[in-house]
Amino acid sequence: MTTPESHRHNLFEDAQALLVAPLLVAFAIFLFREAGLLTGGTVGIAFLIHYLSSWPIGLVLFVVNLPFYALALRAMGKAFTVKTFLSITLLSLYTELLPALIHLQSLNRGFAAVMGGFLAGIGLLILIRHKASLGGLGILVIHLQNTRGWRAGKLQMAADFLILGAAIFVLDPVSVGWSIVGALALNLVIAVNHKNGRYMGT
């Protein structure tokens, strides 16, 4: 007979999740940036600031998330907040490191949108299952799902479309269109694979 304790992630499992998931999301960010696209959530807000100011997106990601740690600590607890801080810090570092490691000669924008969305969705799903997030709107989304039973995928999608709607003032319509495709791919992964009570590892 199994118990809830037997399904808990151990320290090694949490550590590999916090190392791998931000790398997947950072690679998605790399694809989006190389294709001149963006995505939703707090990363999308960071993209908007990056495109408007040319500030390093990794640094912007780190700074934009700073105000949300107080909410995370109050709403989700210390362990969640520490894991989220580590995830965001690694995401910021990975995001600045990858362009020095990867050089693309060509990149299809449709592929970048869909593959970037899938990679980001998988990374976020890993973090959600290990009681962490990439901060910002993700903290609010997870909190509302846990307390109100609202679906994380649907909440995230609504927020994403608000951010992507604002992108029309920064990017051309075609880029915004492909960015919406990427956001749909991301949210499809989360909406299909993340439901309360389905996953036993906590």
N, C-alpha and C. Protein backbone atom coordinates (compact mmCIF):
# COMPACT_ATOMS: atom_id res chain seq x y z
N MET A 1 0.84 -1.19 0.00
CA MET A 1 0.00 0.00 0.00
C MET A 1 0.88 1.25 0.00
N THR A 2 0.58 2.16 -0.91
CA THR A 2 1.36 3.39 -1.00
C THR A 2 0.70 4.48 -0.18
N THR A 3 1.50 5.42 0.27
CA THR A 3 1.01 6.56 1.05
C THR A 3 1.42 7.83 0.35
N PRO A 4 0.82 8.98 0.70
CA PRO A 4 1.24 10.24 0.10
C PRO A 4 2.73 10.49 0.25
N GLU A 5 3.31 10.07 1.38
CA GLU A 5 4.74 10.28 1.59
C GLU A 5 5.58 9.53 0.58
N SER A 6 5.12 8.33 0.18
CA SER A 6 5.90 7.51 -0.75
C SER A 6 5.96 8.12 -2.14
N HIS A 7 5.07 9.08 -2.44
CA HIS A 7 5.03 9.70 -3.76
C HIS A 7 5.77 11.04 -3.78
N ARG A 8 6.27 11.49 -2.65
CA ARG A 8 6.91 12.80 -2.61
C ARG A 8 8.24 12.78 -3.35
N HIS A 9 8.54 13.91 -4.01
CA HIS A 9 9.85 14.03 -4.65
C HIS A 9 10.92 14.20 -3.58
N ASN A 10 12.06 13.52 -3.79
CA ASN A 10 13.16 13.71 -2.86
C ASN A 10 14.03 14.88 -3.30
N LEU A 11 15.07 15.16 -2.53
CA LEU A 11 15.91 16.33 -2.79
C LEU A 11 16.58 16.24 -4.16
N PHE A 12 17.08 15.07 -4.53
CA PHE A 12 17.72 14.91 -5.83
C PHE A 12 16.73 15.16 -6.97
N GLU A 13 15.53 14.63 -6.83
CA GLU A 13 14.52 14.82 -7.87
C GLU A 13 14.16 16.29 -8.03
N ASP A 14 14.02 16.99 -6.90
CA ASP A 14 13.74 18.43 -6.97
C ASP A 14 14.91 19.19 -7.61
N ALA A 15 16.13 18.80 -7.25
CA ALA A 15 17.31 19.49 -7.76
C ALA A 15 17.42 19.35 -9.28
N GLN A 16 17.20 18.14 -9.79
CA GLN A 16 17.31 17.96 -11.24
C GLN A 16 16.19 18.72 -11.96
N ALA A 17 15.02 18.79 -11.35
CA ALA A 17 13.93 19.54 -11.96
C ALA A 17 14.26 21.03 -12.04
N LEU A 18 14.84 21.57 -10.96
CA LEU A 18 15.17 22.99 -10.93
C LEU A 18 16.32 23.33 -11.87
N LEU A 19 17.16 22.35 -12.18
CA LEU A 19 18.25 22.56 -13.13
C LEU A 19 17.78 22.42 -14.58
N VAL A 20 16.95 21.42 -14.83
CA VAL A 20 16.57 21.10 -16.20
C VAL A 20 15.44 21.98 -16.72
N ALA A 21 14.40 22.19 -15.92
CA ALA A 21 13.23 22.93 -16.39
C ALA A 21 13.58 24.35 -16.86
N PRO A 22 14.34 25.14 -16.09
CA PRO A 22 14.71 26.47 -16.58
C PRO A 22 15.52 26.43 -17.87
N LEU A 23 16.31 25.37 -18.07
CA LEU A 23 17.08 25.25 -19.30
C LEU A 23 16.16 25.05 -20.50
N LEU A 24 15.13 24.24 -20.34
CA LEU A 24 14.15 24.05 -21.42
C LEU A 24 13.46 25.37 -21.76
N VAL A 25 13.07 26.11 -20.73
CA VAL A 25 12.40 27.39 -20.96
C VAL A 25 13.37 28.41 -21.57
N ALA A 26 14.62 28.39 -21.13
CA ALA A 26 15.62 29.29 -21.70
C ALA A 26 15.84 29.01 -23.18
N PHE A 27 15.82 27.72 -23.55
CA PHE A 27 15.96 27.40 -24.97
C PHE A 27 14.75 27.88 -25.75
N ALA A 28 13.57 27.78 -25.15
CA ALA A 28 12.37 28.33 -25.79
C ALA A 28 12.52 29.84 -25.99
N ILE A 29 13.00 30.54 -24.97
CA ILE A 29 13.23 31.98 -25.07
C ILE A 29 14.23 32.28 -26.19
N PHE A 30 15.27 31.46 -26.29
CA PHE A 30 16.26 31.62 -27.35
C PHE A 30 15.60 31.51 -28.73
N LEU A 31 14.74 30.51 -28.91
CA LEU A 31 14.05 30.35 -30.19
C LEU A 31 13.14 31.54 -30.48
N PHE A 32 12.38 31.96 -29.48
CA PHE A 32 11.50 33.11 -29.67
C PHE A 32 12.29 34.36 -30.05
N ARG A 33 13.37 34.61 -29.34
CA ARG A 33 14.16 35.82 -29.58
C ARG A 33 14.82 35.78 -30.96
N GLU A 34 15.35 34.61 -31.35
CA GLU A 34 15.98 34.49 -32.66
C GLU A 34 14.97 34.70 -33.79
N ALA A 35 13.72 34.33 -33.54
CA ALA A 35 12.67 34.49 -34.55
C ALA A 35 11.96 35.83 -34.46
N GLY A 36 12.34 36.66 -33.49
CA GLY A 36 11.69 37.96 -33.33
C GLY A 36 10.29 37.85 -32.77
N LEU A 37 10.06 36.85 -31.91
CA LEU A 37 8.74 36.62 -31.33
C LEU A 37 8.80 36.88 -29.83
N LEU A 38 7.68 36.63 -29.17
CA LEU A 38 7.63 36.66 -27.71
C LEU A 38 6.62 35.64 -27.24
N THR A 39 6.39 35.59 -25.96
CA THR A 39 5.42 34.66 -25.41
C THR A 39 4.63 35.38 -24.33
N GLY A 40 3.81 34.64 -23.58
CA GLY A 40 2.99 35.27 -22.56
C GLY A 40 3.64 35.20 -21.19
N GLY A 41 2.84 35.46 -20.17
CA GLY A 41 3.32 35.40 -18.80
C GLY A 41 4.34 36.47 -18.48
N THR A 42 5.03 36.28 -17.37
CA THR A 42 6.05 37.23 -16.96
C THR A 42 7.20 37.28 -17.97
N VAL A 43 7.48 36.15 -18.60
CA VAL A 43 8.50 36.13 -19.65
C VAL A 43 8.08 37.04 -20.80
N GLY A 44 6.80 37.05 -21.13
CA GLY A 44 6.30 37.93 -22.17
C GLY A 44 6.46 39.40 -21.81
N ILE A 45 6.22 39.72 -20.54
CA ILE A 45 6.43 41.10 -20.08
C ILE A 45 7.90 41.47 -20.22
N ALA A 46 8.79 40.53 -19.85
CA ALA A 46 10.22 40.78 -19.99
C ALA A 46 10.60 40.96 -21.45
N PHE A 47 9.99 40.19 -22.33
CA PHE A 47 10.25 40.34 -23.77
C PHE A 47 9.86 41.73 -24.24
N LEU A 48 8.69 42.22 -23.83
CA LEU A 48 8.25 43.55 -24.24
C LEU A 48 9.25 44.61 -23.81
N ILE A 49 9.69 44.52 -22.57
CA ILE A 49 10.68 45.48 -22.06
C ILE A 49 11.99 45.34 -22.84
N HIS A 50 12.39 44.11 -23.11
CA HIS A 50 13.63 43.87 -23.86
C HIS A 50 13.56 44.48 -25.25
N TYR A 51 12.45 44.27 -25.95
CA TYR A 51 12.33 44.80 -27.31
C TYR A 51 12.27 46.33 -27.32
N LEU A 52 11.68 46.90 -26.29
CA LEU A 52 11.56 48.36 -26.23
C LEU A 52 12.86 49.04 -25.79
N SER A 53 13.64 48.36 -24.96
CA SER A 53 14.81 49.00 -24.36
C SER A 53 16.15 48.40 -24.79
N SER A 54 16.12 47.17 -25.32
CA SER A 54 17.34 46.42 -25.66
C SER A 54 18.13 46.01 -24.42
N TRP A 55 17.54 46.12 -23.23
CA TRP A 55 18.19 45.62 -22.02
C TRP A 55 18.28 44.09 -22.11
N PRO A 56 19.30 43.48 -21.49
CA PRO A 56 19.43 42.01 -21.51
C PRO A 56 18.18 41.35 -20.94
N ILE A 57 17.60 40.42 -21.69
CA ILE A 57 16.34 39.83 -21.25
C ILE A 57 16.50 39.02 -19.98
N GLY A 58 17.67 38.40 -19.78
CA GLY A 58 17.89 37.64 -18.55
C GLY A 58 17.82 38.54 -17.33
N LEU A 59 18.46 39.70 -17.42
CA LEU A 59 18.42 40.65 -16.31
C LEU A 59 17.01 41.17 -16.09
N VAL A 60 16.31 41.47 -17.17
CA VAL A 60 14.93 41.96 -17.06
C VAL A 60 14.04 40.91 -16.38
N LEU A 61 14.22 39.65 -16.78
CA LEU A 61 13.45 38.57 -16.16
C LEU A 61 13.65 38.53 -14.65
N PHE A 62 14.90 38.64 -14.25
CA PHE A 62 15.21 38.57 -12.82
C PHE A 62 14.57 39.73 -12.07
N VAL A 63 14.68 40.93 -12.61
CA VAL A 63 14.18 42.12 -11.92
C VAL A 63 12.66 42.15 -11.89
N VAL A 64 12.02 41.81 -13.01
CA VAL A 64 10.55 41.85 -13.09
C VAL A 64 9.92 40.93 -12.05
N ASN A 65 10.58 39.83 -11.74
CA ASN A 65 10.01 38.86 -10.81
C ASN A 65 10.20 39.23 -9.34
N LEU A 66 11.08 40.17 -9.05
CA LEU A 66 11.37 40.50 -7.65
C LEU A 66 10.13 40.85 -6.82
N PRO A 67 9.18 41.66 -7.34
CA PRO A 67 8.02 42.00 -6.50
C PRO A 67 7.11 40.83 -6.15
N PHE A 68 7.21 39.73 -6.89
CA PHE A 68 6.28 38.63 -6.70
C PHE A 68 6.70 37.66 -5.59
N TYR A 69 7.91 37.79 -5.09
CA TYR A 69 8.35 36.84 -4.07
C TYR A 69 7.58 37.00 -2.76
N ALA A 70 7.18 38.22 -2.44
CA ALA A 70 6.40 38.43 -1.22
C ALA A 70 5.06 37.68 -1.31
N LEU A 71 4.41 37.76 -2.48
CA LEU A 71 3.16 37.02 -2.70
C LEU A 71 3.39 35.52 -2.62
N ALA A 72 4.49 35.07 -3.22
CA ALA A 72 4.79 33.63 -3.18
C ALA A 72 4.98 33.15 -1.76
N LEU A 73 5.71 33.93 -0.96
CA LEU A 73 5.97 33.53 0.42
C LEU A 73 4.68 33.47 1.23
N ARG A 74 3.81 34.45 1.03
CA ARG A 74 2.56 34.50 1.78
C ARG A 74 1.56 33.45 1.30
N ALA A 75 1.47 33.27 -0.02
CA ALA A 75 0.42 32.41 -0.57
C ALA A 75 0.84 30.97 -0.73
N MET A 76 2.14 30.72 -0.99
CA MET A 76 2.57 29.38 -1.34
C MET A 76 3.57 28.77 -0.37
N GLY A 77 4.15 29.57 0.52
CA GLY A 77 5.06 29.02 1.52
C GLY A 77 6.52 29.20 1.17
N LYS A 78 7.37 28.91 2.16
CA LYS A 78 8.81 29.14 2.02
C LYS A 78 9.45 28.22 0.99
N ALA A 79 9.12 26.93 1.01
CA ALA A 79 9.75 25.98 0.09
C ALA A 79 9.46 26.36 -1.36
N PHE A 80 8.21 26.67 -1.65
CA PHE A 80 7.83 27.09 -3.00
C PHE A 80 8.60 28.34 -3.42
N THR A 81 8.70 29.30 -2.51
CA THR A 81 9.37 30.56 -2.82
C THR A 81 10.85 30.35 -3.10
N VAL A 82 11.51 29.53 -2.29
CA VAL A 82 12.94 29.27 -2.50
C VAL A 82 13.16 28.56 -3.83
N LYS A 83 12.35 27.55 -4.13
CA LYS A 83 12.48 26.84 -5.40
C LYS A 83 12.24 27.78 -6.58
N THR A 84 11.24 28.65 -6.45
CA THR A 84 10.93 29.59 -7.52
C THR A 84 12.07 30.58 -7.72
N PHE A 85 12.63 31.08 -6.64
CA PHE A 85 13.77 32.01 -6.75
C PHE A 85 14.94 31.34 -7.46
N LEU A 86 15.24 30.10 -7.10
CA LEU A 86 16.33 29.38 -7.75
C LEU A 86 16.03 29.15 -9.23
N SER A 87 14.79 28.82 -9.54
CA SER A 87 14.41 28.58 -10.93
C SER A 87 14.56 29.83 -11.77
N ILE A 88 14.10 30.96 -11.25
CA ILE A 88 14.19 32.22 -12.00
C ILE A 88 15.63 32.66 -12.15
N THR A 89 16.42 32.49 -11.11
CA THR A 89 17.83 32.86 -11.19
C THR A 89 18.54 32.05 -12.27
N LEU A 90 18.28 30.73 -12.29
CA LEU A 90 18.89 29.88 -13.31
C LEU A 90 18.37 30.22 -14.70
N LEU A 91 17.08 30.50 -14.81
CA LEU A 91 16.51 30.89 -16.10
C LEU A 91 17.19 32.15 -16.63
N SER A 92 17.40 33.12 -15.76
CA SER A 92 18.06 34.36 -16.17
C SER A 92 19.47 34.10 -16.65
N LEU A 93 20.20 33.24 -15.93
CA LEU A 93 21.57 32.91 -16.33
C LEU A 93 21.60 32.12 -17.63
N TYR A 94 20.74 31.10 -17.73
CA TYR A 94 20.69 30.30 -18.95
C TYR A 94 20.34 31.16 -20.17
N THR A 95 19.40 32.08 -19.97
CA THR A 95 18.94 32.92 -21.08
C THR A 95 20.08 33.75 -21.66
N GLU A 96 20.97 34.23 -20.81
CA GLU A 96 22.10 35.03 -21.28
C GLU A 96 23.24 34.15 -21.80
N LEU A 97 23.31 32.91 -21.34
CA LEU A 97 24.40 32.02 -21.73
C LEU A 97 24.17 31.35 -23.08
N LEU A 98 22.94 30.96 -23.37
CA LEU A 98 22.66 30.17 -24.57
C LEU A 98 23.08 30.84 -25.88
N PRO A 99 22.86 32.14 -26.06
CA PRO A 99 23.29 32.74 -27.33
C PRO A 99 24.78 32.61 -27.61
N ALA A 100 25.59 32.44 -26.56
CA ALA A 100 27.02 32.26 -26.75
C ALA A 100 27.36 30.81 -27.10
N LEU A 101 26.42 29.90 -26.87
CA LEU A 101 26.65 28.48 -27.11
C LEU A 101 26.02 27.97 -28.40
N ILE A 102 25.01 28.69 -28.90
CA ILE A 102 24.26 28.23 -30.07
C ILE A 102 24.25 29.33 -31.12
N HIS A 103 24.55 28.96 -32.35
CA HIS A 103 24.50 29.90 -33.47
C HIS A 103 23.69 29.27 -34.60
N LEU A 104 22.58 29.88 -34.95
CA LEU A 104 21.69 29.35 -35.98
C LEU A 104 21.89 30.10 -37.29
N GLN A 105 21.97 29.34 -38.38
CA GLN A 105 22.07 29.96 -39.70
C GLN A 105 20.71 30.32 -40.25
N SER A 106 19.71 29.54 -39.91
CA SER A 106 18.34 29.84 -40.33
C SER A 106 17.37 29.23 -39.32
N LEU A 107 16.20 29.82 -39.25
CA LEU A 107 15.19 29.34 -38.30
C LEU A 107 13.81 29.67 -38.84
N ASN A 108 13.02 28.65 -39.08
CA ASN A 108 11.65 28.86 -39.52
C ASN A 108 10.82 29.42 -38.37
N ARG A 109 10.13 30.51 -38.60
CA ARG A 109 9.41 31.18 -37.52
C ARG A 109 8.26 30.34 -36.98
N GLY A 110 7.60 29.60 -37.86
CA GLY A 110 6.53 28.73 -37.39
C GLY A 110 7.06 27.63 -36.48
N PHE A 111 8.19 27.03 -36.88
CA PHE A 111 8.80 26.01 -36.03
C PHE A 111 9.23 26.61 -34.71
N ALA A 112 9.84 27.80 -34.74
CA ALA A 112 10.28 28.46 -33.50
C ALA A 112 9.10 28.69 -32.57
N ALA A 113 7.97 29.12 -33.12
CA ALA A 113 6.79 29.39 -32.31
C ALA A 113 6.26 28.13 -31.64
N VAL A 114 6.07 27.07 -32.43
CA VAL A 114 5.48 25.84 -31.91
C VAL A 114 6.45 25.12 -30.98
N MET A 115 7.70 24.94 -31.44
CA MET A 115 8.67 24.21 -30.62
C MET A 115 8.99 25.00 -29.35
N GLY A 116 9.12 26.31 -29.48
CA GLY A 116 9.36 27.13 -28.30
C GLY A 116 8.21 27.01 -27.30
N GLY A 117 6.98 27.01 -27.81
CA GLY A 117 5.82 26.85 -26.93
C GLY A 117 5.81 25.50 -26.23
N PHE A 118 6.10 24.44 -26.98
CA PHE A 118 6.14 23.10 -26.37
C PHE A 118 7.23 23.00 -25.30
N LEU A 119 8.43 23.51 -25.61
CA LEU A 119 9.53 23.44 -24.65
C LEU A 119 9.20 24.23 -23.38
N ALA A 120 8.67 25.43 -23.56
CA ALA A 120 8.31 26.24 -22.39
C ALA A 120 7.23 25.56 -21.57
N GLY A 121 6.24 24.96 -22.25
CA GLY A 121 5.17 24.28 -21.53
C GLY A 121 5.68 23.09 -20.74
N ILE A 122 6.59 22.31 -21.34
CA ILE A 122 7.17 21.16 -20.63
C ILE A 122 7.97 21.63 -19.43
N GLY A 123 8.77 22.70 -19.62
CA GLY A 123 9.55 23.23 -18.50
C GLY A 123 8.67 23.71 -17.36
N LEU A 124 7.61 24.44 -17.70
CA LEU A 124 6.70 24.92 -16.67
C LEU A 124 5.98 23.77 -15.98
N LEU A 125 5.60 22.75 -16.75
CA LEU A 125 4.93 21.59 -16.17
C LEU A 125 5.82 20.89 -15.16
N ILE A 126 7.10 20.73 -15.49
CA ILE A 126 8.04 20.12 -14.56
C ILE A 126 8.10 20.92 -13.26
N LEU A 127 8.19 22.23 -13.37
CA LEU A 127 8.28 23.06 -12.18
C LEU A 127 6.99 23.00 -11.35
N ILE A 128 5.86 23.02 -12.00
CA ILE A 128 4.59 22.93 -11.28
C ILE A 128 4.52 21.62 -10.48
N ARG A 129 4.97 20.54 -11.10
CA ARG A 129 4.91 19.23 -10.43
C ARG A 129 5.92 19.13 -9.28
N HIS A 130 6.90 20.01 -9.28
CA HIS A 130 7.87 20.02 -8.18
C HIS A 130 7.64 21.23 -7.26
N LYS A 131 6.42 21.75 -7.28
CA LYS A 131 6.01 22.83 -6.39
C LYS A 131 6.91 24.05 -6.54
N ALA A 132 7.08 24.48 -7.78
CA ALA A 132 7.85 25.68 -8.07
C ALA A 132 7.21 26.35 -9.29
N SER A 133 7.73 27.51 -9.67
CA SER A 133 7.24 28.19 -10.85
C SER A 133 8.34 29.10 -11.38
N LEU A 134 8.02 29.82 -12.44
CA LEU A 134 8.93 30.84 -12.92
C LEU A 134 8.45 32.22 -12.51
N GLY A 135 7.77 32.26 -11.38
CA GLY A 135 7.42 33.52 -10.75
C GLY A 135 6.30 34.27 -11.44
N GLY A 136 6.17 35.53 -11.04
CA GLY A 136 5.23 36.42 -11.68
C GLY A 136 3.82 35.89 -11.73
N LEU A 137 3.23 35.91 -12.93
CA LEU A 137 1.86 35.46 -13.11
C LEU A 137 1.70 33.98 -12.79
N GLY A 138 2.78 33.21 -12.96
CA GLY A 138 2.70 31.79 -12.64
C GLY A 138 2.37 31.54 -11.18
N ILE A 139 2.88 32.40 -10.30
CA ILE A 139 2.58 32.28 -8.87
C ILE A 139 1.08 32.47 -8.64
N LEU A 140 0.52 33.50 -9.26
CA LEU A 140 -0.91 33.78 -9.09
C LEU A 140 -1.75 32.65 -9.68
N VAL A 141 -1.37 32.15 -10.85
CA VAL A 141 -2.11 31.08 -11.52
C VAL A 141 -2.13 29.82 -10.67
N ILE A 142 -0.97 29.40 -10.17
CA ILE A 142 -0.91 28.19 -9.35
C ILE A 142 -1.69 28.37 -8.07
N HIS A 143 -1.59 29.55 -7.45
CA HIS A 143 -2.32 29.83 -6.21
C HIS A 143 -3.83 29.72 -6.44
N LEU A 144 -4.32 30.28 -7.53
CA LEU A 144 -5.76 30.24 -7.81
C LEU A 144 -6.22 28.82 -8.14
N GLN A 145 -5.39 28.04 -8.80
CA GLN A 145 -5.78 26.65 -9.06
C GLN A 145 -5.85 25.86 -7.77
N ASN A 146 -4.87 26.07 -6.89
CA ASN A 146 -4.85 25.32 -5.64
C ASN A 146 -5.96 25.73 -4.68
N THR A 147 -6.33 27.01 -4.69
CA THR A 147 -7.31 27.50 -3.72
C THR A 147 -8.73 27.58 -4.27
N ARG A 148 -8.87 27.83 -5.57
CA ARG A 148 -10.19 28.00 -6.16
C ARG A 148 -10.57 26.87 -7.11
N GLY A 149 -9.58 26.05 -7.48
CA GLY A 149 -9.86 24.97 -8.42
C GLY A 149 -9.94 25.43 -9.86
N TRP A 150 -9.53 26.67 -10.13
CA TRP A 150 -9.54 27.18 -11.49
C TRP A 150 -8.39 26.56 -12.28
N ARG A 151 -8.62 26.19 -13.53
CA ARG A 151 -7.61 25.52 -14.33
C ARG A 151 -6.45 26.45 -14.67
N ALA A 152 -5.24 25.97 -14.36
CA ALA A 152 -4.05 26.78 -14.59
C ALA A 152 -3.89 27.15 -16.06
N GLY A 153 -4.15 26.18 -16.95
CA GLY A 153 -3.98 26.45 -18.37
C GLY A 153 -4.88 27.56 -18.87
N LYS A 154 -6.15 27.55 -18.43
CA LYS A 154 -7.09 28.57 -18.89
C LYS A 154 -6.74 29.95 -18.32
N LEU A 155 -6.35 29.99 -17.06
CA LEU A 155 -5.96 31.26 -16.45
C LEU A 155 -4.73 31.84 -17.14
N GLN A 156 -3.75 30.97 -17.37
CA GLN A 156 -2.52 31.43 -18.01
C GLN A 156 -2.81 31.91 -19.43
N MET A 157 -3.70 31.23 -20.12
CA MET A 157 -4.03 31.61 -21.49
C MET A 157 -4.67 33.00 -21.53
N ALA A 158 -5.56 33.29 -20.58
CA ALA A 158 -6.20 34.60 -20.55
C ALA A 158 -5.16 35.70 -20.32
N ALA A 159 -4.25 35.47 -19.39
CA ALA A 159 -3.20 36.46 -19.12
C ALA A 159 -2.28 36.61 -20.33
N ASP A 160 -1.98 35.50 -20.99
CA ASP A 160 -1.10 35.53 -22.15
C ASP A 160 -1.68 36.38 -23.28
N PHE A 161 -2.97 36.26 -23.52
CA PHE A 161 -3.56 37.01 -24.61
C PHE A 161 -3.59 38.51 -24.32
N LEU A 162 -3.68 38.88 -23.04
CA LEU A 162 -3.58 40.30 -22.69
C LEU A 162 -2.18 40.83 -23.02
N ILE A 163 -1.17 40.04 -22.67
CA ILE A 163 0.21 40.45 -22.93
C ILE A 163 0.49 40.46 -24.43
N LEU A 164 0.02 39.43 -25.12
CA LEU A 164 0.24 39.36 -26.56
C LEU A 164 -0.54 40.45 -27.29
N GLY A 165 -1.67 40.84 -26.72
CA GLY A 165 -2.40 41.96 -27.31
C GLY A 165 -1.61 43.25 -27.24
N ALA A 166 -0.89 43.44 -26.13
CA ALA A 166 -0.05 44.63 -26.00
C ALA A 166 1.12 44.60 -26.95
N ALA A 167 1.51 43.39 -27.39
CA ALA A 167 2.66 43.25 -28.29
C ALA A 167 2.42 43.88 -29.64
N ILE A 168 1.17 44.11 -30.01
CA ILE A 168 0.87 44.72 -31.31
C ILE A 168 1.46 46.13 -31.40
N PHE A 169 1.74 46.74 -30.25
CA PHE A 169 2.34 48.07 -30.24
C PHE A 169 3.86 48.02 -30.31
N VAL A 170 4.41 46.81 -30.25
CA VAL A 170 5.86 46.64 -30.24
C VAL A 170 6.35 45.87 -31.46
N LEU A 171 5.61 44.84 -31.87
CA LEU A 171 6.00 43.99 -32.99
C LEU A 171 5.03 44.15 -34.15
N ASP A 172 5.43 43.65 -35.31
CA ASP A 172 4.54 43.68 -36.47
C ASP A 172 3.46 42.61 -36.31
N PRO A 173 2.34 42.73 -37.03
CA PRO A 173 1.23 41.78 -36.86
C PRO A 173 1.60 40.33 -37.13
N VAL A 174 2.49 40.06 -38.09
CA VAL A 174 2.88 38.69 -38.37
C VAL A 174 3.62 38.09 -37.18
N SER A 175 4.52 38.87 -36.58
CA SER A 175 5.25 38.40 -35.41
C SER A 175 4.31 38.13 -34.24
N VAL A 176 3.34 39.00 -34.08
CA VAL A 176 2.35 38.79 -33.01
C VAL A 176 1.55 37.52 -33.28
N GLY A 177 1.18 37.30 -34.55
CA GLY A 177 0.44 36.09 -34.91
C GLY A 177 1.20 34.83 -34.58
N TRP A 178 2.48 34.77 -34.95
CA TRP A 178 3.28 33.61 -34.63
C TRP A 178 3.49 33.47 -33.13
N SER A 179 3.58 34.59 -32.43
CA SER A 179 3.72 34.55 -30.97
C SER A 179 2.48 33.94 -30.33
N ILE A 180 1.31 34.25 -30.87
CA ILE A 180 0.06 33.67 -30.36
C ILE A 180 0.06 32.16 -30.58
N VAL A 181 0.56 31.71 -31.73
CA VAL A 181 0.68 30.27 -31.98
C VAL A 181 1.56 29.62 -30.92
N GLY A 182 2.68 30.26 -30.59
CA GLY A 182 3.57 29.73 -29.57
C GLY A 182 2.90 29.66 -28.21
N ALA A 183 2.13 30.70 -27.86
CA ALA A 183 1.43 30.71 -26.58
C ALA A 183 0.38 29.61 -26.52
N LEU A 184 -0.31 29.36 -27.63
CA LEU A 184 -1.29 28.28 -27.68
C LEU A 184 -0.60 26.92 -27.48
N ALA A 185 0.55 26.74 -28.11
CA ALA A 185 1.29 25.49 -27.94
C ALA A 185 1.70 25.29 -26.48
N LEU A 186 2.17 26.35 -25.86
CA LEU A 186 2.58 26.29 -24.45
C LEU A 186 1.41 25.91 -23.56
N ASN A 187 0.30 26.61 -23.72
CA ASN A 187 -0.84 26.37 -22.85
C ASN A 187 -1.52 25.04 -23.12
N LEU A 188 -1.40 24.53 -24.35
CA LEU A 188 -1.94 23.21 -24.64
C LEU A 188 -1.24 22.16 -23.81
N VAL A 189 0.08 22.26 -23.70
CA VAL A 189 0.85 21.30 -22.91
C VAL A 189 0.40 21.32 -21.45
N ILE A 190 0.23 22.51 -20.89
CA ILE A 190 -0.16 22.62 -19.48
C ILE A 190 -1.60 22.18 -19.27
N ALA A 191 -2.50 22.64 -20.14
CA ALA A 191 -3.93 22.33 -19.96
C ALA A 191 -4.20 20.84 -20.06
N VAL A 192 -3.51 20.14 -20.96
CA VAL A 192 -3.75 18.71 -21.16
C VAL A 192 -3.10 17.88 -20.06
N ASN A 193 -1.92 18.30 -19.60
CA ASN A 193 -1.12 17.46 -18.72
C ASN A 193 -1.19 17.81 -17.24
N HIS A 194 -1.76 18.96 -16.89
CA HIS A 194 -1.78 19.34 -15.48
C HIS A 194 -3.21 19.47 -14.98
N LYS A 195 -3.62 18.47 -14.20
CA LYS A 195 -4.94 18.50 -13.57
C LYS A 195 -4.77 18.08 -12.12
N ASN A 196 -5.43 18.77 -11.22
CA ASN A 196 -5.35 18.44 -9.79
C ASN A 196 -5.76 16.99 -9.54
N GLY A 197 -4.96 16.30 -8.74
CA GLY A 197 -5.28 14.93 -8.36
C GLY A 197 -4.79 13.86 -9.31
N ARG A 198 -4.32 14.26 -10.50
CA ARG A 198 -3.87 13.26 -11.47
C ARG A 198 -2.44 12.82 -11.18
N TYR A 199 -1.61 13.76 -10.79
CA TYR A 199 -0.19 13.46 -10.61
C TYR A 199 0.11 13.22 -9.15
N MET A 200 0.74 12.09 -8.83
CA MET A 200 0.92 11.70 -7.44
C MET A 200 2.18 12.26 -6.80
N GLY A 201 3.23 12.53 -7.59
CA GLY A 201 4.46 13.08 -7.01
C GLY A 201 4.26 14.53 -6.62
N THR A 202 4.48 14.89 -5.38
CA THR A 202 4.24 16.27 -4.94
C THR A 202 5.44 16.81 -4.22
